[in-house]
Amino acid sequence: MIIGLTGSIASGKSTVSKMLKKKGFPIVDADEIARLVVEPGSPVLQEISRVFGQGILRSDGSLNREKLGEQIFGNVEERQKLNGIIHPAIRQEMLRQKEQLISTGSNTVIMDIPLLFESKLQSFVDKIIVVSVTAEIQKERLIARNVLSEEEADARIRSQLSIEEKELSADAVLFNNGPVEETESQLTEVLSKWNAEP
């Protein structure tokens, strides 16, 4: 079974990902892969610097995310250009890792994909877990974690699909508003229910 794990910004998806890792599940992490595909010397990074200029590289040849971010910020066309380079590479690597885990005997693989719905990757997985929080808690956590103003936090939250929409498309929703133990027991319950299915 391939389980997609997703949520909204500051919903606690990483916490749930760590719980799954602790339970021994192999995890394909989209964020980690996104960093991997733009490592110095990678074909993806070469293509990005060809399209956006050498200015987005640091002196050591690594990607200067801030510079690139400034360049594409608020420019839909440039952002699409960037996504057109990065996303196919991320998808390819995610599928490669998933296949590798299955071929080495993993029965269940977790695909941790923050923008699962936004990137329309539902077909990559059999079941979807959405980690959800109330809007108030989400904003509080985001402001605390990233040291943002209320306006900045609102803008980041608005840039993603609403958590309500994600919940509607989920096979299971974990409500991460309370203590971590509560979330963990919800997770355990979902997994044992799915394991019992024929």
N, C-alpha and C. Protein backbone atom coordinates (compact mmCIF):
# COMPACT_ATOMS: atom_id res chain seq x y z
N MET A 1 0.84 -1.20 0.00
CA MET A 1 0.00 0.00 0.00
C MET A 1 0.88 1.26 0.00
N ILE A 2 0.53 2.17 -0.88
CA ILE A 2 1.27 3.43 -0.93
C ILE A 2 0.39 4.48 -0.26
N ILE A 3 0.88 5.05 0.84
CA ILE A 3 0.10 6.04 1.59
C ILE A 3 0.68 7.43 1.35
N GLY A 4 -0.18 8.33 0.90
CA GLY A 4 0.24 9.72 0.73
C GLY A 4 -0.02 10.48 2.03
N LEU A 5 0.99 11.19 2.51
CA LEU A 5 0.84 11.99 3.73
C LEU A 5 0.93 13.44 3.33
N THR A 6 -0.07 14.22 3.70
CA THR A 6 -0.05 15.64 3.34
C THR A 6 -0.77 16.44 4.42
N GLY A 7 -0.78 17.74 4.25
CA GLY A 7 -1.43 18.60 5.23
C GLY A 7 -1.28 20.01 4.71
N SER A 8 -1.52 20.98 5.55
CA SER A 8 -1.26 22.35 5.13
C SER A 8 -0.06 22.85 5.91
N ILE A 9 0.42 24.00 5.52
CA ILE A 9 1.57 24.59 6.18
C ILE A 9 1.30 24.68 7.69
N ALA A 10 2.28 24.26 8.49
CA ALA A 10 2.19 24.31 9.96
C ALA A 10 1.07 23.47 10.57
N SER A 11 0.66 22.41 9.83
CA SER A 11 -0.40 21.56 10.38
C SER A 11 0.18 20.43 11.24
N GLY A 12 1.50 20.23 11.15
CA GLY A 12 2.13 19.18 11.94
C GLY A 12 2.39 17.91 11.14
N LYS A 13 2.44 18.05 9.81
CA LYS A 13 2.69 16.90 8.96
C LYS A 13 4.05 16.27 9.24
N SER A 14 5.05 17.10 9.49
CA SER A 14 6.40 16.57 9.77
C SER A 14 6.41 15.74 11.04
N THR A 15 5.62 16.17 12.01
CA THR A 15 5.51 15.42 13.28
C THR A 15 4.96 14.02 12.99
N VAL A 16 3.92 13.96 12.15
CA VAL A 16 3.32 12.67 11.82
C VAL A 16 4.30 11.83 11.00
N SER A 17 5.04 12.47 10.13
CA SER A 17 6.05 11.78 9.32
C SER A 17 7.07 11.11 10.24
N LYS A 18 7.50 11.83 11.29
CA LYS A 18 8.46 11.26 12.25
C LYS A 18 7.86 10.07 12.98
N MET A 19 6.56 10.16 13.32
CA MET A 19 5.89 9.04 14.00
C MET A 19 5.92 7.79 13.11
N LEU A 20 5.64 7.99 11.83
CA LEU A 20 5.61 6.87 10.88
C LEU A 20 7.00 6.26 10.74
N LYS A 21 8.00 7.13 10.72
CA LYS A 21 9.39 6.66 10.61
C LYS A 21 9.73 5.81 11.83
N LYS A 22 9.31 6.29 13.00
CA LYS A 22 9.57 5.58 14.25
C LYS A 22 8.89 4.21 14.26
N LYS A 23 7.73 4.13 13.59
CA LYS A 23 7.01 2.86 13.50
C LYS A 23 7.64 1.93 12.46
N GLY A 24 8.70 2.43 11.80
CA GLY A 24 9.44 1.58 10.87
C GLY A 24 8.99 1.65 9.42
N PHE A 25 8.13 2.62 9.10
CA PHE A 25 7.71 2.74 7.70
C PHE A 25 8.75 3.50 6.87
N PRO A 26 9.06 3.01 5.66
CA PRO A 26 9.96 3.76 4.80
C PRO A 26 9.23 4.99 4.24
N ILE A 27 9.96 6.10 4.16
CA ILE A 27 9.32 7.35 3.74
C ILE A 27 10.03 7.95 2.53
N VAL A 28 9.23 8.28 1.52
CA VAL A 28 9.73 9.03 0.37
C VAL A 28 9.33 10.48 0.64
N ASP A 29 10.33 11.32 0.88
CA ASP A 29 10.08 12.69 1.33
C ASP A 29 10.26 13.68 0.18
N ALA A 30 9.16 14.27 -0.28
CA ALA A 30 9.21 15.18 -1.43
C ALA A 30 10.10 16.40 -1.17
N ASP A 31 10.08 16.92 0.06
CA ASP A 31 10.91 18.09 0.37
C ASP A 31 12.40 17.75 0.28
N GLU A 32 12.73 16.58 0.80
CA GLU A 32 14.12 16.13 0.75
C GLU A 32 14.56 15.96 -0.70
N ILE A 33 13.67 15.38 -1.51
CA ILE A 33 13.98 15.15 -2.92
C ILE A 33 14.11 16.48 -3.66
N ALA A 34 13.28 17.46 -3.27
CA ALA A 34 13.36 18.78 -3.90
C ALA A 34 14.74 19.40 -3.67
N ARG A 35 15.32 19.12 -2.50
CA ARG A 35 16.69 19.62 -2.23
C ARG A 35 17.71 18.81 -3.02
N LEU A 36 17.47 17.52 -3.07
CA LEU A 36 18.39 16.59 -3.73
C LEU A 36 18.56 16.91 -5.22
N VAL A 37 17.43 17.18 -5.91
CA VAL A 37 17.51 17.37 -7.36
C VAL A 37 18.21 18.66 -7.77
N VAL A 38 18.39 19.60 -6.83
CA VAL A 38 19.09 20.84 -7.20
C VAL A 38 20.47 20.91 -6.55
N GLU A 39 21.05 19.76 -6.24
CA GLU A 39 22.40 19.78 -5.67
C GLU A 39 23.39 20.29 -6.71
N PRO A 40 24.50 20.89 -6.26
CA PRO A 40 25.50 21.40 -7.21
C PRO A 40 25.88 20.35 -8.24
N GLY A 41 25.91 20.77 -9.49
CA GLY A 41 26.32 19.86 -10.56
C GLY A 41 25.18 19.03 -11.13
N SER A 42 23.99 19.09 -10.51
CA SER A 42 22.87 18.28 -11.02
C SER A 42 22.33 18.89 -12.30
N PRO A 43 21.82 18.03 -13.20
CA PRO A 43 21.27 18.55 -14.46
C PRO A 43 20.16 19.57 -14.22
N VAL A 44 19.38 19.38 -13.14
CA VAL A 44 18.29 20.30 -12.85
C VAL A 44 18.84 21.69 -12.51
N LEU A 45 19.88 21.72 -11.69
CA LEU A 45 20.46 23.02 -11.31
C LEU A 45 21.10 23.69 -12.53
N GLN A 46 21.73 22.89 -13.38
CA GLN A 46 22.32 23.46 -14.60
C GLN A 46 21.25 24.12 -15.46
N GLU A 47 20.12 23.44 -15.57
CA GLU A 47 19.01 23.98 -16.36
C GLU A 47 18.44 25.25 -15.73
N ILE A 48 18.33 25.26 -14.40
CA ILE A 48 17.81 26.45 -13.71
C ILE A 48 18.75 27.65 -13.95
N SER A 49 20.05 27.39 -13.86
CA SER A 49 20.97 28.53 -14.04
C SER A 49 21.03 28.97 -15.50
N ARG A 50 20.74 28.03 -16.41
CA ARG A 50 20.70 28.41 -17.83
C ARG A 50 19.50 29.34 -18.07
N VAL A 51 18.37 29.01 -17.45
CA VAL A 51 17.14 29.77 -17.68
C VAL A 51 17.11 31.07 -16.88
N PHE A 52 17.58 31.00 -15.63
CA PHE A 52 17.44 32.17 -14.75
C PHE A 52 18.74 32.94 -14.54
N GLY A 53 19.82 32.48 -15.16
CA GLY A 53 21.08 33.20 -15.05
C GLY A 53 21.98 32.68 -13.93
N GLN A 54 23.28 32.89 -14.11
CA GLN A 54 24.27 32.42 -13.13
C GLN A 54 24.11 33.10 -11.78
N GLY A 55 23.40 34.21 -11.76
CA GLY A 55 23.23 34.99 -10.53
C GLY A 55 22.52 34.22 -9.42
N ILE A 56 21.83 33.15 -9.79
CA ILE A 56 21.10 32.40 -8.76
C ILE A 56 21.99 31.33 -8.12
N LEU A 57 23.28 31.30 -8.52
CA LEU A 57 24.20 30.33 -7.91
C LEU A 57 25.08 31.02 -6.89
N ARG A 58 25.40 30.31 -5.83
CA ARG A 58 26.37 30.83 -4.86
C ARG A 58 27.77 30.53 -5.40
N SER A 59 28.78 31.08 -4.74
CA SER A 59 30.16 30.89 -5.23
C SER A 59 30.57 29.42 -5.19
N ASP A 60 29.94 28.63 -4.30
CA ASP A 60 30.32 27.21 -4.23
C ASP A 60 29.50 26.35 -5.22
N GLY A 61 28.71 27.03 -6.06
CA GLY A 61 27.96 26.28 -7.07
C GLY A 61 26.60 25.79 -6.61
N SER A 62 26.26 26.10 -5.34
CA SER A 62 24.94 25.66 -4.85
C SER A 62 23.88 26.70 -5.20
N LEU A 63 22.64 26.30 -5.10
CA LEU A 63 21.53 27.19 -5.45
C LEU A 63 21.31 28.22 -4.36
N ASN A 64 21.23 29.48 -4.76
CA ASN A 64 20.90 30.54 -3.83
C ASN A 64 19.38 30.71 -3.86
N ARG A 65 18.71 30.02 -2.94
CA ARG A 65 17.23 30.00 -2.94
C ARG A 65 16.63 31.39 -2.78
N GLU A 66 17.27 32.20 -1.93
CA GLU A 66 16.74 33.55 -1.69
C GLU A 66 16.75 34.35 -2.99
N LYS A 67 17.91 34.32 -3.70
CA LYS A 67 18.04 35.05 -4.97
C LYS A 67 16.98 34.58 -5.97
N LEU A 68 16.86 33.27 -6.09
CA LEU A 68 15.90 32.71 -7.04
C LEU A 68 14.48 33.09 -6.62
N GLY A 69 14.23 33.01 -5.32
CA GLY A 69 12.91 33.38 -4.79
C GLY A 69 12.54 34.82 -5.13
N GLU A 70 13.53 35.73 -4.97
CA GLU A 70 13.30 37.15 -5.28
C GLU A 70 12.96 37.30 -6.76
N GLN A 71 13.68 36.53 -7.58
CA GLN A 71 13.52 36.65 -9.03
C GLN A 71 12.13 36.21 -9.51
N ILE A 72 11.59 35.18 -8.87
CA ILE A 72 10.30 34.67 -9.36
C ILE A 72 9.12 35.15 -8.51
N PHE A 73 9.41 35.85 -7.42
CA PHE A 73 8.34 36.23 -6.50
C PHE A 73 7.28 37.07 -7.22
N GLY A 74 6.05 36.64 -7.12
CA GLY A 74 4.95 37.41 -7.71
C GLY A 74 4.88 37.34 -9.22
N ASN A 75 5.77 36.57 -9.83
CA ASN A 75 5.74 36.46 -11.29
C ASN A 75 5.31 35.05 -11.69
N VAL A 76 4.04 34.94 -12.03
CA VAL A 76 3.45 33.62 -12.29
C VAL A 76 4.19 32.88 -13.41
N GLU A 77 4.52 33.62 -14.46
CA GLU A 77 5.16 32.99 -15.62
C GLU A 77 6.53 32.41 -15.25
N GLU A 78 7.31 33.18 -14.50
CA GLU A 78 8.65 32.71 -14.08
C GLU A 78 8.54 31.52 -13.14
N ARG A 79 7.56 31.58 -12.24
CA ARG A 79 7.36 30.49 -11.29
C ARG A 79 7.00 29.21 -12.05
N GLN A 80 6.13 29.35 -13.07
CA GLN A 80 5.74 28.18 -13.86
C GLN A 80 6.95 27.60 -14.60
N LYS A 81 7.80 28.52 -15.07
CA LYS A 81 9.01 28.08 -15.77
C LYS A 81 9.88 27.24 -14.83
N LEU A 82 10.03 27.73 -13.60
CA LEU A 82 10.84 27.03 -12.60
C LEU A 82 10.21 25.68 -12.26
N ASN A 83 8.90 25.70 -12.01
CA ASN A 83 8.21 24.45 -11.67
C ASN A 83 8.31 23.43 -12.80
N GLY A 84 8.30 23.92 -14.02
CA GLY A 84 8.41 23.05 -15.19
C GLY A 84 9.75 22.33 -15.24
N ILE A 85 10.77 22.94 -14.62
CA ILE A 85 12.10 22.29 -14.57
C ILE A 85 12.18 21.34 -13.37
N ILE A 86 11.72 21.84 -12.22
CA ILE A 86 11.92 21.10 -10.97
C ILE A 86 10.93 19.95 -10.78
N HIS A 87 9.64 20.21 -11.02
CA HIS A 87 8.62 19.21 -10.69
C HIS A 87 8.79 17.86 -11.38
N PRO A 88 9.04 17.83 -12.70
CA PRO A 88 9.23 16.51 -13.33
C PRO A 88 10.37 15.73 -12.69
N ALA A 89 11.44 16.43 -12.33
CA ALA A 89 12.61 15.76 -11.73
C ALA A 89 12.25 15.21 -10.35
N ILE A 90 11.47 15.97 -9.59
CA ILE A 90 11.07 15.52 -8.26
C ILE A 90 10.17 14.29 -8.39
N ARG A 91 9.20 14.36 -9.32
CA ARG A 91 8.28 13.23 -9.50
C ARG A 91 9.02 11.96 -9.89
N GLN A 92 9.95 12.12 -10.82
CA GLN A 92 10.72 10.98 -11.30
C GLN A 92 11.49 10.32 -10.15
N GLU A 93 12.14 11.15 -9.34
CA GLU A 93 12.93 10.64 -8.22
C GLU A 93 12.03 10.01 -7.15
N MET A 94 10.85 10.60 -6.92
CA MET A 94 9.92 10.04 -5.95
C MET A 94 9.48 8.64 -6.38
N LEU A 95 9.15 8.50 -7.65
CA LEU A 95 8.72 7.20 -8.15
C LEU A 95 9.87 6.20 -8.12
N ARG A 96 11.09 6.69 -8.42
CA ARG A 96 12.25 5.79 -8.39
C ARG A 96 12.46 5.24 -6.98
N GLN A 97 12.39 6.13 -5.98
CA GLN A 97 12.58 5.70 -4.59
C GLN A 97 11.47 4.74 -4.16
N LYS A 98 10.23 5.05 -4.57
CA LYS A 98 9.11 4.19 -4.21
C LYS A 98 9.31 2.79 -4.79
N GLU A 99 9.65 2.73 -6.09
CA GLU A 99 9.86 1.43 -6.75
C GLU A 99 10.97 0.64 -6.07
N GLN A 100 12.03 1.37 -5.71
CA GLN A 100 13.18 0.73 -5.07
C GLN A 100 12.77 0.10 -3.73
N LEU A 101 11.97 0.84 -2.96
CA LEU A 101 11.52 0.33 -1.66
C LEU A 101 10.63 -0.89 -1.84
N ILE A 102 9.76 -0.85 -2.85
CA ILE A 102 8.87 -1.99 -3.09
C ILE A 102 9.69 -3.20 -3.53
N SER A 103 10.65 -2.96 -4.39
CA SER A 103 11.45 -4.08 -4.89
C SER A 103 12.32 -4.70 -3.81
N THR A 104 12.61 -3.94 -2.74
CA THR A 104 13.39 -4.53 -1.65
C THR A 104 12.48 -5.04 -0.53
N GLY A 105 11.19 -5.18 -0.83
CA GLY A 105 10.32 -5.88 0.11
C GLY A 105 9.42 -5.04 1.00
N SER A 106 9.38 -3.72 0.80
CA SER A 106 8.48 -2.91 1.63
C SER A 106 7.04 -3.09 1.15
N ASN A 107 6.15 -3.44 2.09
CA ASN A 107 4.74 -3.59 1.72
C ASN A 107 4.00 -2.27 1.76
N THR A 108 4.43 -1.42 2.68
CA THR A 108 3.79 -0.11 2.80
C THR A 108 4.85 0.96 2.66
N VAL A 109 4.60 1.93 1.79
CA VAL A 109 5.53 3.04 1.62
C VAL A 109 4.75 4.33 1.85
N ILE A 110 5.35 5.23 2.63
CA ILE A 110 4.73 6.53 2.89
C ILE A 110 5.33 7.55 1.93
N MET A 111 4.48 8.23 1.18
CA MET A 111 4.97 9.32 0.33
C MET A 111 4.55 10.63 0.98
N ASP A 112 5.54 11.32 1.53
CA ASP A 112 5.31 12.56 2.27
C ASP A 112 5.37 13.71 1.26
N ILE A 113 4.19 14.18 0.84
CA ILE A 113 4.12 15.19 -0.23
C ILE A 113 3.30 16.39 0.26
N PRO A 114 3.97 17.48 0.66
CA PRO A 114 3.24 18.64 1.20
C PRO A 114 2.17 19.16 0.23
N LEU A 115 2.50 19.24 -1.06
CA LEU A 115 1.55 19.80 -2.03
C LEU A 115 0.91 18.70 -2.88
N LEU A 116 0.52 17.62 -2.22
CA LEU A 116 -0.06 16.46 -2.92
C LEU A 116 -1.23 16.87 -3.82
N PHE A 117 -2.17 17.63 -3.26
CA PHE A 117 -3.35 18.02 -4.03
C PHE A 117 -3.03 19.13 -5.03
N GLU A 118 -2.24 20.11 -4.56
CA GLU A 118 -1.89 21.23 -5.44
C GLU A 118 -1.16 20.75 -6.69
N SER A 119 -0.31 19.71 -6.51
CA SER A 119 0.46 19.19 -7.65
C SER A 119 -0.29 18.06 -8.37
N LYS A 120 -1.50 17.78 -7.91
CA LYS A 120 -2.34 16.73 -8.51
C LYS A 120 -1.62 15.38 -8.60
N LEU A 121 -1.08 14.94 -7.46
CA LEU A 121 -0.33 13.68 -7.43
C LEU A 121 -1.11 12.55 -6.75
N GLN A 122 -2.43 12.69 -6.70
CA GLN A 122 -3.24 11.67 -6.03
C GLN A 122 -3.03 10.29 -6.65
N SER A 123 -2.73 10.26 -7.96
CA SER A 123 -2.58 8.96 -8.65
C SER A 123 -1.32 8.22 -8.19
N PHE A 124 -0.42 8.92 -7.47
CA PHE A 124 0.81 8.29 -7.00
C PHE A 124 0.55 7.36 -5.81
N VAL A 125 -0.62 7.54 -5.16
CA VAL A 125 -0.83 6.84 -3.89
C VAL A 125 -2.17 6.10 -3.87
N ASP A 126 -2.28 5.12 -2.93
CA ASP A 126 -3.52 4.36 -2.78
C ASP A 126 -4.44 4.99 -1.75
N LYS A 127 -3.84 5.53 -0.69
CA LYS A 127 -4.62 6.13 0.40
C LYS A 127 -3.98 7.46 0.76
N ILE A 128 -4.82 8.38 1.25
CA ILE A 128 -4.29 9.71 1.61
C ILE A 128 -4.64 10.04 3.05
N ILE A 129 -3.60 10.40 3.82
CA ILE A 129 -3.79 10.91 5.18
C ILE A 129 -3.56 12.42 5.15
N VAL A 130 -4.54 13.17 5.64
CA VAL A 130 -4.38 14.62 5.74
C VAL A 130 -4.23 14.98 7.22
N VAL A 131 -3.16 15.72 7.52
CA VAL A 131 -2.98 16.21 8.89
C VAL A 131 -3.63 17.59 8.95
N SER A 132 -4.57 17.74 9.87
CA SER A 132 -5.39 18.95 9.89
C SER A 132 -5.29 19.66 11.23
N VAL A 133 -5.43 20.98 11.19
CA VAL A 133 -5.52 21.77 12.43
C VAL A 133 -6.55 22.86 12.21
N THR A 134 -7.01 23.44 13.30
CA THR A 134 -7.93 24.57 13.16
C THR A 134 -7.14 25.76 12.61
N ALA A 135 -7.85 26.67 11.97
CA ALA A 135 -7.20 27.84 11.36
C ALA A 135 -6.43 28.66 12.39
N GLU A 136 -6.99 28.77 13.61
CA GLU A 136 -6.34 29.59 14.65
C GLU A 136 -4.99 28.97 15.03
N ILE A 137 -5.01 27.65 15.27
CA ILE A 137 -3.77 26.98 15.69
C ILE A 137 -2.74 27.01 14.56
N GLN A 138 -3.22 26.81 13.34
CA GLN A 138 -2.31 26.82 12.20
C GLN A 138 -1.57 28.16 12.12
N LYS A 139 -2.33 29.24 12.25
CA LYS A 139 -1.73 30.57 12.14
C LYS A 139 -0.76 30.82 13.28
N GLU A 140 -1.18 30.45 14.50
CA GLU A 140 -0.32 30.61 15.68
C GLU A 140 1.02 29.90 15.49
N ARG A 141 0.93 28.63 15.06
CA ARG A 141 2.15 27.82 14.90
C ARG A 141 3.05 28.39 13.81
N LEU A 142 2.43 28.84 12.73
CA LEU A 142 3.21 29.36 11.60
C LEU A 142 3.94 30.63 11.99
N ILE A 143 3.24 31.51 12.69
CA ILE A 143 3.85 32.77 13.14
C ILE A 143 5.02 32.48 14.07
N ALA A 144 4.80 31.53 15.00
CA ALA A 144 5.85 31.18 15.97
C ALA A 144 7.03 30.51 15.28
N ARG A 145 6.74 29.59 14.35
CA ARG A 145 7.81 28.81 13.73
C ARG A 145 8.65 29.64 12.77
N ASN A 146 8.00 30.46 11.94
CA ASN A 146 8.73 31.18 10.90
C ASN A 146 8.92 32.65 11.22
N VAL A 147 8.54 33.07 12.43
CA VAL A 147 8.63 34.46 12.85
C VAL A 147 8.04 35.38 11.78
N LEU A 148 6.74 35.24 11.54
CA LEU A 148 6.08 36.03 10.51
C LEU A 148 5.08 36.99 11.15
N SER A 149 4.74 38.03 10.40
CA SER A 149 3.65 38.88 10.84
C SER A 149 2.35 38.16 10.51
N GLU A 150 1.25 38.67 11.05
CA GLU A 150 -0.03 38.03 10.80
C GLU A 150 -0.36 38.05 9.31
N GLU A 151 -0.05 39.17 8.64
CA GLU A 151 -0.34 39.30 7.20
C GLU A 151 0.47 38.28 6.40
N GLU A 152 1.75 38.13 6.74
CA GLU A 152 2.61 37.18 6.03
C GLU A 152 2.09 35.76 6.21
N ALA A 153 1.68 35.45 7.44
CA ALA A 153 1.17 34.10 7.73
C ALA A 153 -0.10 33.84 6.92
N ASP A 154 -0.99 34.84 6.89
CA ASP A 154 -2.23 34.70 6.11
C ASP A 154 -1.94 34.44 4.64
N ALA A 155 -0.98 35.18 4.11
CA ALA A 155 -0.64 35.05 2.69
C ALA A 155 -0.12 33.64 2.39
N ARG A 156 0.73 33.12 3.28
CA ARG A 156 1.28 31.76 3.07
C ARG A 156 0.17 30.72 3.11
N ILE A 157 -0.74 30.89 4.06
CA ILE A 157 -1.84 29.93 4.21
C ILE A 157 -2.75 29.99 2.98
N ARG A 158 -3.00 31.21 2.49
CA ARG A 158 -3.87 31.38 1.33
C ARG A 158 -3.27 30.82 0.05
N SER A 159 -1.93 30.72 0.01
CA SER A 159 -1.28 30.24 -1.23
C SER A 159 -1.49 28.74 -1.44
N GLN A 160 -2.03 28.05 -0.44
CA GLN A 160 -2.29 26.61 -0.57
C GLN A 160 -3.79 26.37 -0.61
N LEU A 161 -4.14 25.19 -1.09
CA LEU A 161 -5.55 24.76 -1.03
C LEU A 161 -6.01 24.80 0.42
N SER A 162 -7.27 25.11 0.65
CA SER A 162 -7.73 25.17 2.04
C SER A 162 -7.73 23.77 2.65
N ILE A 163 -7.51 23.74 3.96
CA ILE A 163 -7.45 22.46 4.67
C ILE A 163 -8.79 21.73 4.56
N GLU A 164 -9.89 22.49 4.48
CA GLU A 164 -11.22 21.86 4.34
C GLU A 164 -11.30 21.07 3.03
N GLU A 165 -10.78 21.68 1.95
CA GLU A 165 -10.80 20.99 0.65
C GLU A 165 -9.95 19.72 0.70
N LYS A 166 -8.82 19.80 1.39
CA LYS A 166 -7.94 18.63 1.49
C LYS A 166 -8.63 17.52 2.28
N GLU A 167 -9.31 17.92 3.36
CA GLU A 167 -10.01 16.93 4.19
C GLU A 167 -11.03 16.15 3.37
N LEU A 168 -11.73 16.85 2.47
CA LEU A 168 -12.77 16.21 1.66
C LEU A 168 -12.21 15.10 0.78
N SER A 169 -10.95 15.27 0.34
CA SER A 169 -10.36 14.28 -0.56
C SER A 169 -9.51 13.25 0.16
N ALA A 170 -9.51 13.29 1.50
CA ALA A 170 -8.65 12.39 2.27
C ALA A 170 -9.35 11.06 2.54
N ASP A 171 -8.56 10.00 2.69
CA ASP A 171 -9.09 8.72 3.16
C ASP A 171 -9.13 8.70 4.68
N ALA A 172 -8.26 9.51 5.30
CA ALA A 172 -8.25 9.64 6.75
C ALA A 172 -7.75 11.03 7.11
N VAL A 173 -8.34 11.61 8.14
CA VAL A 173 -7.90 12.93 8.60
C VAL A 173 -7.42 12.79 10.05
N LEU A 174 -6.21 13.29 10.31
CA LEU A 174 -5.70 13.30 11.69
C LEU A 174 -5.84 14.73 12.21
N PHE A 175 -6.56 14.89 13.32
CA PHE A 175 -6.73 16.23 13.87
C PHE A 175 -5.61 16.50 14.87
N ASN A 176 -4.72 17.39 14.49
CA ASN A 176 -3.52 17.63 15.26
C ASN A 176 -3.63 18.91 16.09
N ASN A 177 -4.75 19.07 16.79
CA ASN A 177 -4.96 20.29 17.57
C ASN A 177 -4.51 20.14 19.01
N GLY A 178 -4.48 18.88 19.47
CA GLY A 178 -4.17 18.66 20.88
C GLY A 178 -2.77 18.14 21.08
N PRO A 179 -2.56 17.41 22.18
CA PRO A 179 -1.24 16.84 22.45
C PRO A 179 -0.84 15.83 21.39
N VAL A 180 0.46 15.67 21.24
CA VAL A 180 1.01 14.80 20.21
C VAL A 180 0.55 13.34 20.39
N GLU A 181 0.34 12.93 21.64
CA GLU A 181 -0.09 11.55 21.91
C GLU A 181 -1.46 11.28 21.28
N GLU A 182 -2.30 12.32 21.28
CA GLU A 182 -3.64 12.20 20.72
C GLU A 182 -3.55 11.94 19.21
N THR A 183 -2.67 12.70 18.56
CA THR A 183 -2.48 12.54 17.11
C THR A 183 -1.94 11.14 16.83
N GLU A 184 -0.99 10.71 17.67
CA GLU A 184 -0.38 9.41 17.46
C GLU A 184 -1.41 8.28 17.58
N SER A 185 -2.35 8.40 18.54
CA SER A 185 -3.32 7.32 18.69
C SER A 185 -4.30 7.31 17.51
N GLN A 186 -4.60 8.50 16.96
CA GLN A 186 -5.44 8.54 15.75
C GLN A 186 -4.72 7.82 14.60
N LEU A 187 -3.42 8.08 14.50
CA LEU A 187 -2.61 7.49 13.43
C LEU A 187 -2.60 5.97 13.55
N THR A 188 -2.35 5.48 14.76
CA THR A 188 -2.31 4.04 15.00
C THR A 188 -3.63 3.39 14.62
N GLU A 189 -4.72 4.07 14.97
CA GLU A 189 -6.05 3.55 14.67
C GLU A 189 -6.27 3.43 13.15
N VAL A 190 -5.90 4.47 12.43
CA VAL A 190 -6.07 4.47 10.96
C VAL A 190 -5.26 3.34 10.33
N LEU A 191 -4.00 3.21 10.77
CA LEU A 191 -3.13 2.19 10.17
C LEU A 191 -3.64 0.79 10.45
N SER A 192 -4.12 0.55 11.68
CA SER A 192 -4.57 -0.82 11.96
C SER A 192 -5.87 -1.11 11.21
N LYS A 193 -6.70 -0.09 11.02
CA LYS A 193 -7.92 -0.28 10.25
C LYS A 193 -7.58 -0.65 8.80
N TRP A 194 -6.62 0.09 8.21
CA TRP A 194 -6.23 -0.17 6.81
C TRP A 194 -5.55 -1.53 6.67
N ASN A 195 -4.77 -1.90 7.69
CA ASN A 195 -4.08 -3.21 7.63
C ASN A 195 -5.06 -4.36 7.67
N ALA A 196 -6.19 -4.13 8.33
CA ALA A 196 -7.18 -5.20 8.47
C ALA A 196 -8.04 -5.37 7.21
N GLU A 197 -7.97 -4.34 6.32
CA GLU A 197 -8.76 -4.43 5.09
C GLU A 197 -8.21 -5.53 4.19
N PRO A 198 -9.12 -6.26 3.50
CA PRO A 198 -8.64 -7.35 2.63
C PRO A 198 -7.86 -6.81 1.43
